[in-house]
Amino acid sequence: IDNSIVESFGGGGKTCITARVYPKLAVGNDARLYVFNNGSSAVTLSKLTAWSMRKPSIN
């Protein structure tokens, strides 16, 4: 594993989204969030909680 995996949990832990990311520094106004759905119905994001994270330590 090359430390490029991010997992996000929602729906009280009932939903998990796993993605490979190769991030650049995103601070303040440079940070972005995109929400999308490849399904057949609309998605509404009613609440989002985000936390700051330390810089990763890669062994």
PDB file of N, CA and C in Angstrom:
ATOM      1  N   ILE A   1       0.856  -1.169   0.000  1.00  0.00           N
ATOM      2  CA  ILE A   1       0.000   0.000   0.000  1.00  0.00           C
ATOM      3  C   ILE A   1       0.900   1.230   0.000  1.00  0.00           C
ATOM      4  N   ASP A   2       0.581   2.189  -0.841  1.00  0.00           N
ATOM      5  CA  ASP A   2       1.436   3.366  -0.994  1.00  0.00           C
ATOM      6  C   ASP A   2       0.909   4.607  -0.276  1.00  0.00           C
ATOM      7  N   ASN A   3       0.029   4.457   0.686  1.00  0.00           N
ATOM      8  CA  ASN A   3      -0.499   5.567   1.495  1.00  0.00           C
ATOM      9  C   ASN A   3      -1.314   6.571   0.701  1.00  0.00           C
ATOM     10  N   SER A   4      -1.934   6.154  -0.402  1.00  0.00           N
ATOM     11  CA  SER A   4      -2.752   7.065  -1.211  1.00  0.00           C
ATOM     12  C   SER A   4      -4.242   6.779  -1.061  1.00  0.00           C
ATOM     13  N   ILE A   5      -4.640   6.014  -0.045  1.00  0.00           N
ATOM     14  CA  ILE A   5      -6.039   5.639   0.157  1.00  0.00           C
ATOM     15  C   ILE A   5      -6.671   6.527   1.224  1.00  0.00           C
ATOM     16  N   VAL A   6      -7.860   7.058   0.919  1.00  0.00           N
ATOM     17  CA  VAL A   6      -8.642   7.820   1.891  1.00  0.00           C
ATOM     18  C   VAL A   6     -10.009   7.169   1.981  1.00  0.00           C
ATOM     19  N   GLU A   7     -10.472   6.899   3.193  1.00  0.00           N
ATOM     20  CA  GLU A   7     -11.809   6.347   3.397  1.00  0.00           C
ATOM     21  C   GLU A   7     -12.658   7.373   4.129  1.00  0.00           C
ATOM     22  N   SER A   8     -13.878   7.587   3.629  1.00  0.00           N
ATOM     23  CA  SER A   8     -14.841   8.496   4.241  1.00  0.00           C
ATOM     24  C   SER A   8     -16.060   7.687   4.638  1.00  0.00           C
ATOM     25  N   PHE A   9     -16.606   7.973   5.812  1.00  0.00           N
ATOM     26  CA  PHE A   9     -17.753   7.237   6.317  1.00  0.00           C
ATOM     27  C   PHE A   9     -18.929   8.178   6.497  1.00  0.00           C
ATOM     28  N   GLY A  10     -20.125   7.713   6.183  1.00  0.00           N
ATOM     29  CA  GLY A  10     -21.332   8.515   6.330  1.00  0.00           C
ATOM     30  C   GLY A  10     -22.499   7.643   6.729  1.00  0.00           C
ATOM     31  N   GLY A  11     -23.649   8.260   6.900  1.00  0.00           N
ATOM     32  CA  GLY A  11     -24.853   7.510   7.248  1.00  0.00           C
ATOM     33  C   GLY A  11     -24.713   6.747   8.544  1.00  0.00           C
ATOM     34  N   GLY A  12     -24.068   7.367   9.539  1.00  0.00           N
ATOM     35  CA  GLY A  12     -23.887   6.680  10.813  1.00  0.00           C
ATOM     36  C   GLY A  12     -22.969   5.478  10.699  1.00  0.00           C
ATOM     37  N   GLY A  13     -22.030   5.532   9.764  1.00  0.00           N
ATOM     38  CA  GLY A  13     -21.094   4.430   9.564  1.00  0.00           C
ATOM     39  C   GLY A  13     -21.599   3.363   8.621  1.00  0.00           C
ATOM     40  N   LYS A  14     -22.785   3.546   8.034  1.00  0.00           N
ATOM     41  CA  LYS A  14     -23.365   2.544   7.137  1.00  0.00           C
ATOM     42  C   LYS A  14     -22.841   2.656   5.711  1.00  0.00           C
ATOM     43  N   THR A  15     -22.229   3.794   5.378  1.00  0.00           N
ATOM     44  CA  THR A  15     -21.725   4.020   4.032  1.00  0.00           C
ATOM     45  C   THR A  15     -20.243   4.342   4.097  1.00  0.00           C
ATOM     46  N   CYS A  16     -19.481   3.737   3.219  1.00  0.00           N
ATOM     47  CA  CYS A  16     -18.050   3.989   3.159  1.00  0.00           C
ATOM     48  C   CYS A  16     -17.658   4.329   1.728  1.00  0.00           C
ATOM     49  N   ILE A  17     -16.882   5.381   1.556  1.00  0.00           N
ATOM     50  CA  ILE A  17     -16.354   5.758   0.253  1.00  0.00           C
ATOM     51  C   ILE A  17     -14.838   5.640   0.340  1.00  0.00           C
ATOM     52  N   THR A  18     -14.257   4.874  -0.558  1.00  0.00           N
ATOM     53  CA  THR A  18     -12.813   4.707  -0.611  1.00  0.00           C
ATOM     54  C   THR A  18     -12.296   5.313  -1.898  1.00  0.00           C
ATOM     55  N   ALA A  19     -11.240   6.091  -1.802  1.00  0.00           N
ATOM     56  CA  ALA A  19     -10.687   6.744  -2.989  1.00  0.00           C
ATOM     57  C   ALA A  19      -9.168   6.771  -2.913  1.00  0.00           C
ATOM     58  N   ARG A  20      -8.542   6.747  -4.072  1.00  0.00           N
ATOM     59  CA  ARG A  20      -7.095   6.953  -4.156  1.00  0.00           C
ATOM     60  C   ARG A  20      -6.873   8.432  -4.413  1.00  0.00           C
ATOM     61  N   VAL A  21      -5.992   9.027  -3.653  1.00  0.00           N
ATOM     62  CA  VAL A  21      -5.721  10.452  -3.806  1.00  0.00           C
ATOM     63  C   VAL A  21      -4.218  10.690  -3.882  1.00  0.00           C
ATOM     64  N   TYR A  22      -3.875  11.702  -4.628  1.00  0.00           N
ATOM     65  CA  TYR A  22      -2.496  12.157  -4.736  1.00  0.00           C
ATOM     66  C   TYR A  22      -2.534  13.662  -4.501  1.00  0.00           C
ATOM     67  N   PRO A  23      -2.645  14.062  -3.216  1.00  0.00           N
ATOM     68  CA  PRO A  23      -2.969  15.455  -2.898  1.00  0.00           C
ATOM     69  C   PRO A  23      -1.823  16.434  -3.100  1.00  0.00           C
ATOM     70  N   LYS A  24      -2.230  17.666  -3.377  1.00  0.00           N
ATOM     71  CA  LYS A  24      -1.346  18.822  -3.311  1.00  0.00           C
ATOM     72  C   LYS A  24      -1.782  19.590  -2.071  1.00  0.00           C
ATOM     73  N   LEU A  25      -0.961  20.503  -1.625  1.00  0.00           N
ATOM     74  CA  LEU A  25      -1.306  21.285  -0.444  1.00  0.00           C
ATOM     75  C   LEU A  25      -2.543  22.129  -0.722  1.00  0.00           C
ATOM     76  N   ALA A  26      -3.579  21.956   0.087  1.00  0.00           N
ATOM     77  CA  ALA A  26      -4.832  22.710  -0.067  1.00  0.00           C
ATOM     78  C   ALA A  26      -5.136  23.383   1.262  1.00  0.00           C
ATOM     79  N   VAL A  27      -4.885  24.678   1.328  1.00  0.00           N
ATOM     80  CA  VAL A  27      -5.058  25.428   2.562  1.00  0.00           C
ATOM     81  C   VAL A  27      -5.966  26.615   2.295  1.00  0.00           C
ATOM     82  N   GLY A  28      -6.889  26.887   3.228  1.00  0.00           N
ATOM     83  CA  GLY A  28      -7.762  28.054   3.116  1.00  0.00           C
ATOM     84  C   GLY A  28      -8.595  28.027   1.853  1.00  0.00           C
ATOM     85  N   ASN A  29      -8.510  29.083   1.057  1.00  0.00           N
ATOM     86  CA  ASN A  29      -9.325  29.195  -0.158  1.00  0.00           C
ATOM     87  C   ASN A  29      -8.903  28.238  -1.262  1.00  0.00           C
ATOM     88  N   ASP A  30      -7.743  27.585  -1.120  1.00  0.00           N
ATOM     89  CA  ASP A  30      -7.301  26.619  -2.124  1.00  0.00           C
ATOM     90  C   ASP A  30      -7.924  25.240  -1.912  1.00  0.00           C
ATOM     91  N   ALA A  31      -8.588  25.016  -0.778  1.00  0.00           N
ATOM     92  CA  ALA A  31      -9.217  23.726  -0.492  1.00  0.00           C
ATOM     93  C   ALA A  31     -10.548  23.618  -1.225  1.00  0.00           C
ATOM     94  N   ARG A  32     -10.870  22.441  -1.731  1.00  0.00           N
ATOM     95  CA  ARG A  32     -12.114  22.206  -2.472  1.00  0.00           C
ATOM     96  C   ARG A  32     -12.725  20.874  -2.047  1.00  0.00           C
ATOM     97  N   LEU A  33     -14.043  20.795  -2.132  1.00  0.00           N
ATOM     98  CA  LEU A  33     -14.767  19.553  -1.900  1.00  0.00           C
ATOM     99  C   LEU A  33     -15.759  19.374  -3.027  1.00  0.00           C
ATOM    100  N   TYR A  34     -15.762  18.206  -3.624  1.00  0.00           N
ATOM    101  CA  TYR A  34     -16.706  17.894  -4.692  1.00  0.00           C
ATOM    102  C   TYR A  34     -17.551  16.713  -4.248  1.00  0.00           C
ATOM    103  N   VAL A  35     -18.864  16.843  -4.358  1.00  0.00           N
ATOM    104  CA  VAL A  35     -19.794  15.765  -4.017  1.00  0.00           C
ATOM    105  C   VAL A  35     -20.515  15.377  -5.292  1.00  0.00           C
ATOM    106  N   PHE A  36     -20.520  14.092  -5.595  1.00  0.00           N
ATOM    107  CA  PHE A  36     -21.166  13.639  -6.821  1.00  0.00           C
ATOM    108  C   PHE A  36     -21.809  12.286  -6.599  1.00  0.00           C
ATOM    109  N   ASN A  37     -22.662  11.918  -7.526  1.00  0.00           N
ATOM    110  CA  ASN A  37     -23.393  10.658  -7.449  1.00  0.00           C
ATOM    111  C   ASN A  37     -23.465  10.077  -8.850  1.00  0.00           C
ATOM    112  N   ASN A  38     -23.012   8.872  -9.000  1.00  0.00           N
ATOM    113  CA  ASN A  38     -23.094   8.199 -10.295  1.00  0.00           C
ATOM    114  C   ASN A  38     -24.389   7.395 -10.428  1.00  0.00           C
ATOM    115  N   GLY A  39     -25.297   7.567  -9.506  1.00  0.00           N
ATOM    116  CA  GLY A  39     -26.567   6.842  -9.521  1.00  0.00           C
ATOM    117  C   GLY A  39     -27.628   7.564 -10.330  1.00  0.00           C
ATOM    118  N   SER A  40     -28.875   7.195 -10.097  1.00  0.00           N
ATOM    119  CA  SER A  40     -29.976   7.735 -10.897  1.00  0.00           C
ATOM    120  C   SER A  40     -30.822   8.771 -10.159  1.00  0.00           C
ATOM    121  N   SER A  41     -30.488   9.075  -8.903  1.00  0.00           N
ATOM    122  CA  SER A  41     -31.290  10.046  -8.161  1.00  0.00           C
ATOM    123  C   SER A  41     -30.398  11.163  -7.625  1.00  0.00           C
ATOM    124  N   ALA A  42     -31.029  12.263  -7.258  1.00  0.00           N
ATOM    125  CA  ALA A  42     -30.300  13.422  -6.744  1.00  0.00           C
ATOM    126  C   ALA A  42     -29.750  13.141  -5.350  1.00  0.00           C
ATOM    127  N   VAL A  43     -28.670  13.813  -5.018  1.00  0.00           N
ATOM    128  CA  VAL A  43     -28.055  13.692  -3.702  1.00  0.00           C
ATOM    129  C   VAL A  43     -28.054  15.063  -3.049  1.00  0.00           C
ATOM    130  N   THR A  44     -28.460  15.127  -1.783  1.00  0.00           N
ATOM    131  CA  THR A  44     -28.430  16.370  -1.026  1.00  0.00           C
ATOM    132  C   THR A  44     -27.482  16.193   0.147  1.00  0.00           C
ATOM    133  N   LEU A  45     -26.517  17.068   0.246  1.00  0.00           N
ATOM    134  CA  LEU A  45     -25.593  17.058   1.367  1.00  0.00           C
ATOM    135  C   LEU A  45     -26.142  18.027   2.402  1.00  0.00           C
ATOM    136  N   SER A  46     -26.707  17.492   3.485  1.00  0.00           N
ATOM    137  CA  SER A  46     -27.366  18.345   4.474  1.00  0.00           C
ATOM    138  C   SER A  46     -26.454  18.734   5.628  1.00  0.00           C
ATOM    139  N   LYS A  47     -25.386  17.967   5.856  1.00  0.00           N
ATOM    140  CA  LYS A  47     -24.478  18.279   6.954  1.00  0.00           C
ATOM    141  C   LYS A  47     -23.105  17.721   6.623  1.00  0.00           C
ATOM    142  N   LEU A  48     -22.082  18.488   6.944  1.00  0.00           N
ATOM    143  CA  LEU A  48     -20.710  18.049   6.725  1.00  0.00           C
ATOM    144  C   LEU A  48     -19.887  18.456   7.927  1.00  0.00           C
ATOM    145  N   THR A  49     -19.164  17.514   8.483  1.00  0.00           N
ATOM    146  CA  THR A  49     -18.243  17.801   9.569  1.00  0.00           C
ATOM    147  C   THR A  49     -16.846  17.466   9.074  1.00  0.00           C
ATOM    148  N   ALA A  50     -15.924  18.402   9.194  1.00  0.00           N
ATOM    149  CA  ALA A  50     -14.556  18.190   8.720  1.00  0.00           C
ATOM    150  C   ALA A  50     -13.574  18.515   9.832  1.00  0.00           C
ATOM    151  N   TRP A  51     -12.455  17.838   9.830  1.00  0.00           N
ATOM    152  CA  TRP A  51     -11.422  18.046  10.823  1.00  0.00           C
ATOM    153  C   TRP A  51     -10.102  18.343  10.132  1.00  0.00           C
ATOM    154  N   SER A  52      -9.295  19.155  10.768  1.00  0.00           N
ATOM    155  CA  SER A  52      -7.930  19.371  10.291  1.00  0.00           C
ATOM    156  C   SER A  52      -7.112  18.134  10.629  1.00  0.00           C
ATOM    157  N   MET A  53      -6.181  17.822   9.761  1.00  0.00           N
ATOM    158  CA  MET A  53      -5.340  16.643   9.975  1.00  0.00           C
ATOM    159  C   MET A  53      -3.874  17.047   9.962  1.00  0.00           C
ATOM    160  N   ARG A  54      -3.080  16.282  10.705  1.00  0.00           N
ATOM    161  CA  ARG A  54      -1.637  16.500  10.672  1.00  0.00           C
ATOM    162  C   ARG A  54      -1.086  16.062   9.322  1.00  0.00           C
ATOM    163  N   LYS A  55       0.085  16.562   8.988  1.00  0.00           N
ATOM    164  CA  LYS A  55       0.777  16.109   7.797  1.00  0.00           C
ATOM    165  C   LYS A  55       1.068  14.619   7.976  1.00  0.00           C
ATOM    166  N   PRO A  56       0.849  13.783   6.954  1.00  0.00           N
ATOM    167  CA  PRO A  56       1.035  12.346   7.118  1.00  0.00           C
ATOM    168  C   PRO A  56       2.492  11.975   7.317  1.00  0.00           C
ATOM    169  N   SER A  57       2.688  10.939   8.088  1.00  0.00           N
ATOM    170  CA  SER A  57       4.018  10.376   8.282  1.00  0.00           C
ATOM    171  C   SER A  57       4.085   9.089   7.486  1.00  0.00           C
ATOM    172  N   ILE A  58       4.904   9.071   6.459  1.00  0.00           N
ATOM    173  CA  ILE A  58       5.003   7.892   5.599  1.00  0.00           C
ATOM    174  C   ILE A  58       6.272   7.142   5.949  1.00  0.00           C
ATOM    175  N   ASN A  59       6.102   5.881   6.308  1.00  0.00           N
ATOM    176  CA  ASN A  59       7.250   5.049   6.710  1.00  0.00           C
ATOM    177  C   ASN A  59       7.912   4.431   5.511  1.00  0.00           C
TER     178      ASN A  59
END
